[in-house]
N, C-alpha and C. Protein backbone atom coordinates (compact mmCIF):
# COMPACT_ATOMS: atom_id res chain seq x y z
N UNK A 1 0.81 -1.31 -0.09
CA UNK A 1 -0.02 -0.04 -0.17
C UNK A 1 1.06 1.44 -0.16
N UNK A 2 1.79 1.15 0.84
CA UNK A 2 2.74 2.47 0.67
C UNK A 2 3.25 2.73 -0.51
N UNK A 3 3.98 1.70 -1.41
CA UNK A 3 4.32 1.62 -2.66
C UNK A 3 3.48 2.67 -3.60
N UNK A 4 2.18 2.21 -3.81
CA UNK A 4 1.21 2.77 -4.34
C UNK A 4 1.14 4.37 -3.87
N UNK A 5 0.93 4.35 -2.78
CA UNK A 5 0.99 5.69 -2.11
C UNK A 5 2.43 6.89 -2.87
N UNK A 6 3.22 6.01 -2.70
CA UNK A 6 4.32 6.67 -3.10
C UNK A 6 4.53 7.34 -4.63
N UNK A 7 4.06 6.27 -5.49
CA UNK A 7 4.20 6.52 -6.85
C UNK A 7 2.95 7.50 -7.15
N UNK A 8 1.78 7.56 -6.49
CA UNK A 8 0.85 8.48 -6.39
C UNK A 8 1.64 9.78 -5.91
N UNK A 9 2.35 10.01 -4.81
CA UNK A 9 3.02 11.34 -4.45
C UNK A 9 3.80 11.67 -5.61
N UNK A 10 4.39 10.49 -6.50
CA UNK A 10 5.56 10.80 -7.33
C UNK A 10 5.02 11.45 -8.59
N UNK A 11 4.11 11.14 -8.91
CA UNK A 11 3.38 11.63 -9.99
C UNK A 11 2.53 12.86 -9.81
N UNK A 12 1.91 13.09 -8.57
CA UNK A 12 1.37 14.36 -7.89
C UNK A 12 2.75 15.75 -8.03
N UNK A 13 4.32 14.74 -7.60
CA UNK A 13 5.11 15.76 -7.69
C UNK A 13 5.50 16.48 -8.99
N UNK A 14 5.52 15.61 -10.04
CA UNK A 14 5.53 16.05 -11.56
C UNK A 14 4.72 17.15 -11.67
N UNK A 15 3.17 17.23 -11.16
CA UNK A 15 2.17 18.54 -11.55
C UNK A 15 2.94 19.79 -10.61
N UNK A 16 2.75 19.19 -9.40
CA UNK A 16 3.49 20.25 -8.36
C UNK A 16 4.64 21.24 -8.47
N UNK A 17 5.21 20.26 -9.51
CA UNK A 17 6.92 21.31 -9.99
C UNK A 17 6.58 22.60 -10.74
N UNK A 18 5.88 22.31 -11.61
CA UNK A 18 5.07 23.44 -12.33
C UNK A 18 4.36 24.80 -11.54
N UNK A 19 4.28 24.02 -10.52
CA UNK A 19 3.22 25.30 -10.07
C UNK A 19 3.78 26.21 -8.91
N UNK A 20 4.22 25.27 -7.92
CA UNK A 20 5.00 25.62 -6.79
C UNK A 20 5.91 24.74 -6.14
N UNK A 21 7.29 25.49 -5.88
CA UNK A 21 8.52 24.88 -6.04
C UNK A 21 8.28 23.99 -4.44
N UNK A 22 7.58 25.01 -3.24
CA UNK A 22 7.88 24.32 -1.93
C UNK A 22 6.86 23.10 -2.11
N UNK A 23 5.72 23.21 -2.97
CA UNK A 23 5.17 22.13 -2.72
C UNK A 23 5.85 20.56 -3.08
N UNK A 24 6.42 21.18 -4.69
CA UNK A 24 7.48 19.94 -4.92
C UNK A 24 8.31 19.53 -3.88
N UNK A 25 8.95 20.20 -3.27
CA UNK A 25 10.24 19.57 -2.36
C UNK A 25 9.20 19.04 -1.15
N UNK A 26 7.95 19.67 -0.83
CA UNK A 26 7.51 19.10 0.23
C UNK A 26 6.83 17.21 -0.12
N UNK A 27 6.37 17.17 -1.48
CA UNK A 27 6.22 15.95 -1.98
C UNK A 27 7.24 14.98 -2.24
N UNK A 28 8.59 15.58 -2.57
CA UNK A 28 9.76 14.92 -2.90
C UNK A 28 9.91 14.11 -1.11
N UNK A 29 9.80 15.10 -0.20
CA UNK A 29 10.20 14.38 1.18
C UNK A 29 8.85 13.58 1.57
N UNK A 30 7.81 13.89 1.12
CA UNK A 30 6.87 12.63 1.54
C UNK A 30 6.72 11.19 0.64
N UNK A 31 7.24 11.55 -0.57
CA UNK A 31 7.66 10.46 -1.44
C UNK A 31 9.22 9.74 -0.75
N UNK A 32 9.86 10.25 -0.31
CA UNK A 32 10.89 9.55 0.34
C UNK A 32 10.60 8.89 1.71
N UNK A 33 9.39 9.38 2.28
CA UNK A 33 9.11 8.92 3.46
C UNK A 33 8.18 7.52 3.34
N UNK A 34 7.28 7.93 2.24
CA UNK A 34 6.48 6.57 1.81
C UNK A 34 7.52 5.32 1.61
N UNK A 35 8.39 6.04 0.65
CA UNK A 35 9.10 4.71 0.28
C UNK A 35 9.87 3.91 0.88
N UNK A 36 10.22 4.52 2.30
CA UNK A 36 11.08 4.12 3.14
C UNK A 36 9.94 3.42 4.24
N UNK A 37 8.70 3.54 4.37
CA UNK A 37 7.49 2.74 4.98
C UNK A 37 7.79 1.66 4.19
N UNK A 38 7.62 1.56 2.85
CA UNK A 38 7.25 0.29 2.06
C UNK A 38 8.50 -0.44 2.06
N UNK A 39 9.70 0.15 2.02
CA UNK A 39 11.06 -1.12 2.15
C UNK A 39 11.11 -1.23 3.49
N UNK A 40 10.70 -0.84 4.74
CA UNK A 40 11.04 -0.84 5.90
C UNK A 40 10.90 -2.48 6.06
N UNK A 41 9.78 -3.33 5.97
CA UNK A 41 9.48 -4.56 6.44
C UNK A 41 10.57 -5.70 6.02
N UNK A 42 11.00 -5.02 4.35
CA UNK A 42 11.67 -6.04 3.79
C UNK A 42 13.21 -5.87 4.44
N UNK A 43 13.85 -4.77 5.20
CA UNK A 43 15.07 -4.37 5.51
C UNK A 43 14.84 -5.13 7.03
N UNK A 44 13.81 -4.95 7.88
CA UNK A 44 13.67 -5.64 8.67
C UNK A 44 13.96 -7.38 8.80
N UNK A 45 13.35 -7.80 7.91
CA UNK A 45 13.45 -9.05 7.73
C UNK A 45 15.04 -9.74 7.60
N UNK A 46 15.63 -8.70 6.88
CA UNK A 46 17.14 -8.83 6.59
C UNK A 46 17.89 -8.71 7.87
N UNK A 47 17.23 -7.69 8.55
CA UNK A 47 18.20 -7.38 10.15
C UNK A 47 17.90 -8.44 10.79
N UNK A 48 16.70 -9.22 10.79
CA UNK A 48 16.38 -10.39 11.63
C UNK A 48 17.27 -11.61 11.35
N UNK A 49 17.28 -11.82 9.96
CA UNK A 49 18.12 -12.91 9.47
C UNK A 49 19.70 -12.65 9.65
N UNK A 50 20.27 -11.70 9.31
CA UNK A 50 21.59 -11.43 9.46
C UNK A 50 22.00 -9.91 9.45
N UNK A 51 22.09 -9.12 10.60
CA UNK A 51 22.41 -7.75 10.76
C UNK A 51 23.45 -7.38 10.00
N UNK A 52 24.55 -8.40 10.07
CA UNK A 52 25.66 -7.85 9.65
C UNK A 52 26.07 -7.61 8.23
N UNK A 53 25.26 -8.47 7.72
CA UNK A 53 25.03 -8.37 6.03
C UNK A 53 24.65 -6.93 5.78
N UNK A 54 23.29 -6.56 6.55
CA UNK A 54 22.64 -5.10 6.31
C UNK A 54 23.75 -4.15 6.53
N UNK A 55 24.55 -4.31 7.49
CA UNK A 55 25.63 -3.02 8.01
C UNK A 55 26.49 -3.14 6.96
N UNK A 56 27.02 -4.39 6.39
CA UNK A 56 27.83 -4.41 5.58
C UNK A 56 27.52 -3.88 3.99
N UNK A 57 26.25 -3.89 3.80
CA UNK A 57 25.75 -3.77 2.62
C UNK A 57 25.59 -2.13 2.16
N UNK A 58 25.21 -1.50 3.54
CA UNK A 58 24.86 -0.04 3.87
C UNK A 58 26.47 0.80 3.81
N UNK A 59 27.15 0.03 4.75
CA UNK A 59 28.78 0.80 4.50
C UNK A 59 29.33 0.72 3.32
N UNK A 60 29.12 -0.61 2.56
CA UNK A 60 29.59 -0.53 0.95
C UNK A 60 29.14 0.44 0.36
N UNK A 61 27.80 0.65 0.19
CA UNK A 61 27.33 1.71 -0.67
C UNK A 61 28.08 2.69 -0.33
N UNK A 62 27.46 3.42 0.93
CA UNK A 62 28.23 4.48 1.47
C UNK A 62 29.63 4.95 0.85
N UNK A 63 30.44 3.95 1.02
CA UNK A 63 31.93 4.19 0.66
C UNK A 63 32.15 4.25 -0.92
N UNK A 64 31.16 3.40 -1.74
CA UNK A 64 31.50 3.55 -2.97
C UNK A 64 30.84 4.75 -3.36
N UNK A 65 29.49 5.31 -3.08
CA UNK A 65 29.13 6.28 -3.67
C UNK A 65 29.94 7.73 -3.31
N UNK A 66 30.53 7.78 -2.17
CA UNK A 66 31.22 8.79 -1.57
C UNK A 66 32.37 8.52 -2.57
N UNK A 67 33.25 7.37 -2.70
CA UNK A 67 34.40 7.66 -3.29
C UNK A 67 34.51 7.63 -4.49
N UNK A 68 33.32 7.44 -5.46
CA UNK A 68 33.58 7.69 -6.98
C UNK A 68 32.51 9.17 -7.25
N UNK A 69 32.09 9.50 -6.29
CA UNK A 69 31.43 10.96 -6.06
C UNK A 69 32.51 11.82 -5.93
N UNK A 70 33.77 11.45 -5.00
CA UNK A 70 34.56 12.26 -4.98
C UNK A 70 35.49 12.44 -5.99
N UNK A 71 35.74 11.54 -6.38
CA UNK A 71 36.47 11.30 -7.87
C UNK A 71 36.07 12.27 -8.80
N UNK A 72 34.75 11.80 -8.95
CA UNK A 72 33.99 12.94 -9.91
C UNK A 72 34.13 13.95 -9.85
N UNK A 73 33.89 14.62 -8.50
CA UNK A 73 34.07 15.99 -8.14
C UNK A 73 35.62 16.42 -8.55
N UNK A 74 36.63 15.73 -8.40
CA UNK A 74 37.77 15.98 -8.40
C UNK A 74 38.42 15.97 -9.70
N UNK A 75 37.88 15.82 -10.65
CA UNK A 75 38.36 15.78 -11.98
C UNK A 75 38.11 16.74 -12.88
N UNK A 76 38.68 17.30 -14.01
CA UNK A 76 38.35 18.05 -14.72
C UNK A 76 38.40 17.85 -15.87
N UNK A 77 38.39 16.53 -16.29
CA UNK A 77 38.23 16.13 -17.72
C UNK A 77 36.54 16.31 -18.29
N UNK A 78 36.27 16.14 -19.38
CA UNK A 78 34.94 15.89 -19.74
C UNK A 78 34.39 14.50 -19.59
N UNK A 79 33.44 14.61 -18.51
CA UNK A 79 33.06 12.70 -18.48
C UNK A 79 31.56 12.16 -19.27
N UNK A 80 31.38 13.45 -20.31
CA UNK A 80 30.37 12.69 -21.14
C UNK A 80 30.25 11.85 -21.72
N UNK A 81 31.38 11.22 -22.26
CA UNK A 81 31.79 9.76 -22.89
C UNK A 81 31.66 8.84 -21.82
N UNK A 82 31.94 8.90 -20.61
CA UNK A 82 31.38 7.71 -19.88
C UNK A 82 29.79 7.70 -19.52
N UNK A 83 29.29 8.86 -19.32
CA UNK A 83 27.63 9.12 -19.21
C UNK A 83 27.41 8.26 -20.22
N UNK A 84 27.80 8.51 -21.59
CA UNK A 84 26.68 7.74 -22.61
C UNK A 84 27.22 6.04 -23.12
N UNK A 85 28.31 5.79 -22.54
CA UNK A 85 28.68 4.18 -22.19
C UNK A 85 27.91 3.70 -21.16
N UNK A 86 27.89 4.47 -20.09
CA UNK A 86 26.91 4.10 -18.72
C UNK A 86 25.96 3.90 -18.92
N UNK A 87 25.33 4.77 -19.72
CA UNK A 87 23.57 4.63 -20.28
C UNK A 87 23.61 3.28 -20.89
N UNK A 88 24.13 2.99 -21.95
CA UNK A 88 23.70 2.21 -23.00
C UNK A 88 24.40 0.76 -22.22
N UNK A 89 25.44 0.56 -21.33
CA UNK A 89 25.73 -0.27 -20.33
C UNK A 89 24.54 -0.66 -19.57
N UNK A 90 24.09 0.26 -18.95
CA UNK A 90 22.69 -0.27 -18.16
C UNK A 90 21.52 -0.63 -18.86
N UNK A 91 21.17 -0.11 -19.71
CA UNK A 91 20.44 -0.64 -20.97
C UNK A 91 20.43 -2.41 -20.60
N UNK A 92 21.83 -2.24 -21.66
CA UNK A 92 22.46 -3.85 -21.66
C UNK A 92 21.99 -4.42 -20.57
N UNK A 93 22.24 -4.25 -19.12
CA UNK A 93 22.29 -4.88 -17.73
C UNK A 93 20.81 -5.31 -17.39
N UNK A 94 20.32 -4.68 -18.16
CA UNK A 94 18.79 -4.65 -17.66
C UNK A 94 18.24 -5.61 -18.63
N UNK A 95 18.48 -5.48 -19.95
CA UNK A 95 18.23 -6.67 -20.54
C UNK A 95 19.30 -8.12 -20.04
N UNK A 96 20.18 -7.74 -19.99
CA UNK A 96 20.86 -9.39 -19.07
C UNK A 96 20.09 -9.79 -18.11
N UNK A 97 19.39 -8.75 -17.40
CA UNK A 97 18.90 -9.10 -16.04
C UNK A 97 17.50 -9.77 -16.54
N UNK A 98 17.00 -9.46 -17.48
CA UNK A 98 15.77 -10.08 -18.01
C UNK A 98 16.25 -11.67 -18.54
N UNK A 99 17.18 -11.29 -19.14
CA UNK A 99 17.74 -13.14 -19.59
C UNK A 99 17.74 -14.08 -18.50
N UNK A 100 18.61 -13.38 -17.62
CA UNK A 100 18.94 -14.17 -16.31
C UNK A 100 17.85 -14.91 -15.81
N UNK A 101 16.46 -14.28 -15.72
CA UNK A 101 15.53 -14.56 -15.26
C UNK A 101 15.02 -16.04 -15.60
N UNK A 102 15.02 -16.02 -17.25
CA UNK A 102 14.65 -17.31 -17.64
C UNK A 102 15.41 -18.36 -18.28
N UNK A 103 16.81 -17.83 -17.90
CA UNK A 103 17.85 -18.61 -18.47
C UNK A 103 19.00 -18.53 -17.53
N UNK A 104 19.44 -20.24 -16.88
CA UNK A 104 20.39 -20.02 -15.74
C UNK A 104 21.75 -19.79 -16.27
N UNK A 105 22.51 -18.93 -16.25
CA UNK A 105 23.95 -19.05 -16.67
C UNK A 105 24.85 -19.00 -15.41
N UNK A 106 25.77 -19.94 -15.42
CA UNK A 106 26.66 -20.12 -14.59
C UNK A 106 27.45 -18.62 -14.25
N UNK A 107 27.57 -18.67 -13.01
CA UNK A 107 28.25 -17.41 -12.78
C UNK A 107 27.28 -15.92 -13.09
N UNK A 108 26.05 -16.06 -13.50
CA UNK A 108 25.70 -15.16 -14.11
C UNK A 108 25.13 -13.93 -12.89
N UNK A 109 24.84 -14.36 -11.71
CA UNK A 109 24.21 -13.35 -10.68
C UNK A 109 25.71 -12.40 -10.46
N UNK A 110 27.09 -13.27 -10.42
CA UNK A 110 28.01 -12.64 -9.92
C UNK A 110 28.32 -11.72 -11.16
N UNK A 111 28.27 -11.97 -12.36
CA UNK A 111 28.77 -11.02 -13.54
C UNK A 111 27.66 -9.69 -13.26
N UNK A 112 26.30 -10.40 -13.29
CA UNK A 112 25.58 -9.24 -13.25
C UNK A 112 25.97 -8.20 -12.19
N UNK A 113 26.18 -8.30 -10.93
CA UNK A 113 26.70 -7.69 -9.65
C UNK A 113 27.93 -6.90 -9.92
N UNK A 114 29.00 -7.53 -10.65
CA UNK A 114 29.92 -6.73 -10.96
C UNK A 114 29.63 -5.72 -12.39
N UNK A 115 29.08 -5.96 -13.20
CA UNK A 115 28.63 -5.02 -13.95
C UNK A 115 28.22 -4.08 -13.79
N UNK A 116 26.98 -4.05 -12.81
CA UNK A 116 26.40 -2.98 -12.25
C UNK A 116 27.01 -2.32 -11.38
N UNK A 117 28.21 -2.92 -10.71
CA UNK A 117 29.09 -1.98 -10.04
C UNK A 117 29.82 -1.21 -11.05
N UNK A 118 30.43 -1.66 -11.89
CA UNK A 118 31.01 -0.89 -13.24
C UNK A 118 30.11 0.08 -13.33
N UNK A 119 29.14 0.07 -14.04
CA UNK A 119 28.01 0.95 -14.54
C UNK A 119 27.67 1.83 -13.81
N UNK A 120 27.48 1.82 -12.26
CA UNK A 120 26.65 2.76 -11.59
C UNK A 120 28.10 3.76 -11.48
N UNK A 121 29.28 3.03 -11.30
CA UNK A 121 30.51 3.68 -10.96
C UNK A 121 30.35 4.88 -12.08
N UNK A 122 30.54 4.53 -13.28
CA UNK A 122 30.53 5.35 -14.14
C UNK A 122 29.52 6.68 -14.30
N UNK A 123 28.35 6.02 -13.65
CA UNK A 123 27.20 7.09 -13.73
C UNK A 123 27.38 8.26 -12.52
N UNK A 124 28.02 7.77 -11.33
CA UNK A 124 28.23 8.72 -10.41
C UNK A 124 29.39 9.30 -10.41
N UNK A 125 30.31 8.73 -11.40
CA UNK A 125 31.52 9.93 -11.93
C UNK A 125 31.08 10.86 -12.62
N UNK A 126 29.78 10.72 -13.53
CA UNK A 126 29.23 11.65 -14.17
C UNK A 126 28.32 12.62 -13.57
N UNK A 127 27.53 12.03 -12.13
CA UNK A 127 26.76 13.07 -12.12
C UNK A 127 27.23 13.97 -10.76
N UNK A 128 28.73 13.63 -10.45
CA UNK A 128 29.79 14.35 -9.89
C UNK A 128 30.75 14.94 -10.67
N UNK A 129 30.37 15.08 -11.76
CA UNK A 129 31.90 15.45 -12.54
C UNK A 129 32.16 16.50 -12.90
N UNK A 130 32.97 16.59 -13.94
CA UNK A 130 34.13 18.21 -14.12
C UNK A 130 33.46 19.29 -14.64
N UNK A 131 33.75 20.17 -15.55
CA UNK A 131 33.25 21.19 -16.36
C UNK A 131 32.21 20.93 -16.87
N UNK A 132 32.26 20.10 -17.84
CA UNK A 132 31.23 19.69 -18.89
C UNK A 132 29.78 19.25 -18.15
N UNK A 133 30.31 18.56 -16.95
CA UNK A 133 28.89 17.91 -16.48
C UNK A 133 28.21 18.57 -15.19
N UNK A 134 28.94 20.08 -15.11
CA UNK A 134 28.37 20.79 -14.26
C UNK A 134 27.00 21.74 -14.40
N UNK A 135 26.89 21.77 -15.89
CA UNK A 135 25.65 22.55 -16.30
C UNK A 135 25.59 23.79 -16.13
N UNK A 136 26.78 24.69 -15.73
CA UNK A 136 26.39 25.81 -15.54
C UNK A 136 26.53 26.86 -16.51
N UNK A 137 26.23 27.83 -16.86
CA UNK A 137 26.49 28.69 -17.94
C UNK A 137 27.67 29.98 -17.69
N UNK A 138 28.68 29.50 -17.33
CA UNK A 138 29.48 30.62 -16.93
C UNK A 138 30.47 30.73 -18.30
N UNK A 139 30.46 32.11 -18.58
CA UNK A 139 31.90 32.60 -19.80
C UNK A 139 32.88 32.48 -19.44
N UNK A 140 33.89 31.89 -20.55
CA UNK A 140 35.03 31.96 -20.50
C UNK A 140 35.51 33.32 -19.86
N UNK A 141 37.11 32.73 -19.40
CA UNK A 141 37.88 33.90 -18.48
C UNK A 141 38.17 34.74 -19.09
N UNK A 142 38.38 34.84 -20.70
CA UNK A 142 38.73 35.85 -21.39
C UNK A 142 37.43 36.81 -21.78
N UNK A 143 36.35 36.52 -21.38
CA UNK A 143 34.96 37.35 -21.83
C UNK A 143 35.16 38.60 -20.88
N UNK A 144 34.50 39.33 -21.21
CA UNK A 144 33.95 40.50 -20.35
C UNK A 144 32.49 40.60 -20.07
N UNK A 145 32.07 40.83 -18.93
CA UNK A 145 30.84 40.62 -18.74
C UNK A 145 29.65 41.21 -19.50
N UNK A 146 29.97 42.78 -19.95
CA UNK A 146 29.29 43.09 -20.85
C UNK A 146 28.94 42.50 -22.22
N UNK A 147 30.36 42.01 -22.86
CA UNK A 147 29.97 41.73 -24.25
C UNK A 147 29.42 40.24 -24.06
N UNK A 148 29.53 39.58 -22.70
CA UNK A 148 28.84 38.25 -22.84
C UNK A 148 27.32 38.02 -22.40
N UNK A 149 26.86 39.33 -22.05
CA UNK A 149 25.31 39.51 -21.46
C UNK A 149 24.61 40.31 -22.78
N UNK A 150 25.16 41.28 -23.31
CA UNK A 150 24.45 42.25 -24.01
C UNK A 150 24.36 41.61 -25.35
N UNK A 151 23.77 41.75 -26.24
CA UNK A 151 23.47 41.86 -27.81
C UNK A 151 24.43 42.84 -28.19
N UNK A 152 24.99 41.86 -29.56
CA UNK A 152 26.11 42.63 -30.13
C UNK A 152 25.67 44.19 -30.78
N UNK A 153 26.79 44.98 -30.90
CA UNK A 153 26.69 46.08 -31.40
C UNK A 153 26.33 46.13 -32.74
N UNK A 154 25.77 47.02 -33.72
CA UNK A 154 25.60 47.48 -34.71
C UNK A 154 27.19 47.30 -35.44
N UNK A 155 27.46 46.69 -36.53
CA UNK A 155 28.82 46.57 -37.14
C UNK A 155 29.81 45.99 -36.31
N UNK A 156 29.59 45.23 -35.39
CA UNK A 156 30.59 44.62 -34.82
C UNK A 156 30.46 43.13 -35.18
N UNK A 157 31.65 42.65 -35.20
CA UNK A 157 31.81 40.91 -35.29
C UNK A 157 30.95 40.32 -34.05
N UNK A 158 30.42 39.39 -34.29
CA UNK A 158 29.53 38.63 -33.30
C UNK A 158 29.94 36.98 -33.93
N UNK A 159 29.99 36.47 -32.68
CA UNK A 159 29.70 35.16 -32.64
C UNK A 159 29.01 34.36 -31.47
N UNK A 160 28.78 33.12 -31.33
CA UNK A 160 28.05 32.44 -29.96
C UNK A 160 29.09 31.33 -29.74
N UNK A 161 28.79 31.48 -28.42
CA UNK A 161 29.52 30.56 -27.61
C UNK A 161 28.84 28.94 -27.95
N UNK A 162 30.12 28.00 -27.80
CA UNK A 162 29.58 26.69 -28.02
C UNK A 162 28.62 26.19 -26.94
N UNK A 163 27.60 25.56 -27.56
CA UNK A 163 26.16 25.37 -27.02
C UNK A 163 25.44 26.44 -26.33
N UNK A 164 25.54 27.73 -27.15
CA UNK A 164 24.63 28.68 -26.46
C UNK A 164 24.59 29.17 -27.89
N UNK A 165 23.22 29.96 -27.78
CA UNK A 165 22.22 30.56 -28.92
C UNK A 165 22.54 32.33 -28.55
N UNK A 166 23.20 32.91 -27.65
CA UNK A 166 23.43 34.03 -27.25
C UNK A 166 24.52 34.72 -28.15
N UNK A 167 24.54 35.78 -28.97
CA UNK A 167 25.75 35.93 -29.76
C UNK A 167 26.87 36.74 -28.64
N UNK A 168 27.74 36.77 -28.89
CA UNK A 168 29.02 37.93 -27.90
C UNK A 168 29.66 38.84 -28.97
N UNK A 169 29.96 39.87 -28.56
CA UNK A 169 30.83 40.84 -29.49
C UNK A 169 32.31 40.51 -29.03
N UNK A 170 33.23 40.82 -29.89
CA UNK A 170 34.80 40.72 -29.93
C UNK A 170 35.21 42.43 -29.83
C-alpha cells in the first residue's frame, strides 16, 4: 500500500513542480518517507536474519558512492563519454537481467553484480563530474561581462559560445 501511495505522490510531484517549488519539495520528502515505509519490512526481515549483512551492504554503498563521487568532483575532464557508455551499458544490464530470469547462466549473478558496480561507478562519476557536467553557463575567463550579456553592437563582429544561442561581441 505504501508503494502505491509513494508513486501517487511521485506523479503529483510532477504536476506540483510546475506550480510551486515548495510544494514539490514537500512532496519529495513525502515520497521519501512513503518509500522508506514501503521498504522497511524487507529491511527488517534481513536485519532479523543477518544484521551484519545489512551493515556491510550499507557501509559498502556509502563508501562506493562517496569514493566515486569524490573522484568525479575532483576531475576536470569531460565525462560525457563515460555517461553515454554507462547509459547504454545500463540498458544492456537490464536486458541481461531479464535473460537471467529465464535462463540459468553459470556465474550470471556474479557477472550481473560486477557489471552493475562498474556501470553505476561511471554514472556516479558523471553525475558529480567536472566542467562539462556541471551544467553552469559561465562565460570563459577572457570574456568581459558586458560583451557576454548584451546583444552585439551594430557593425561589430559577433559569434556564439559553443552550446549557446546568445551572440557575443569581440
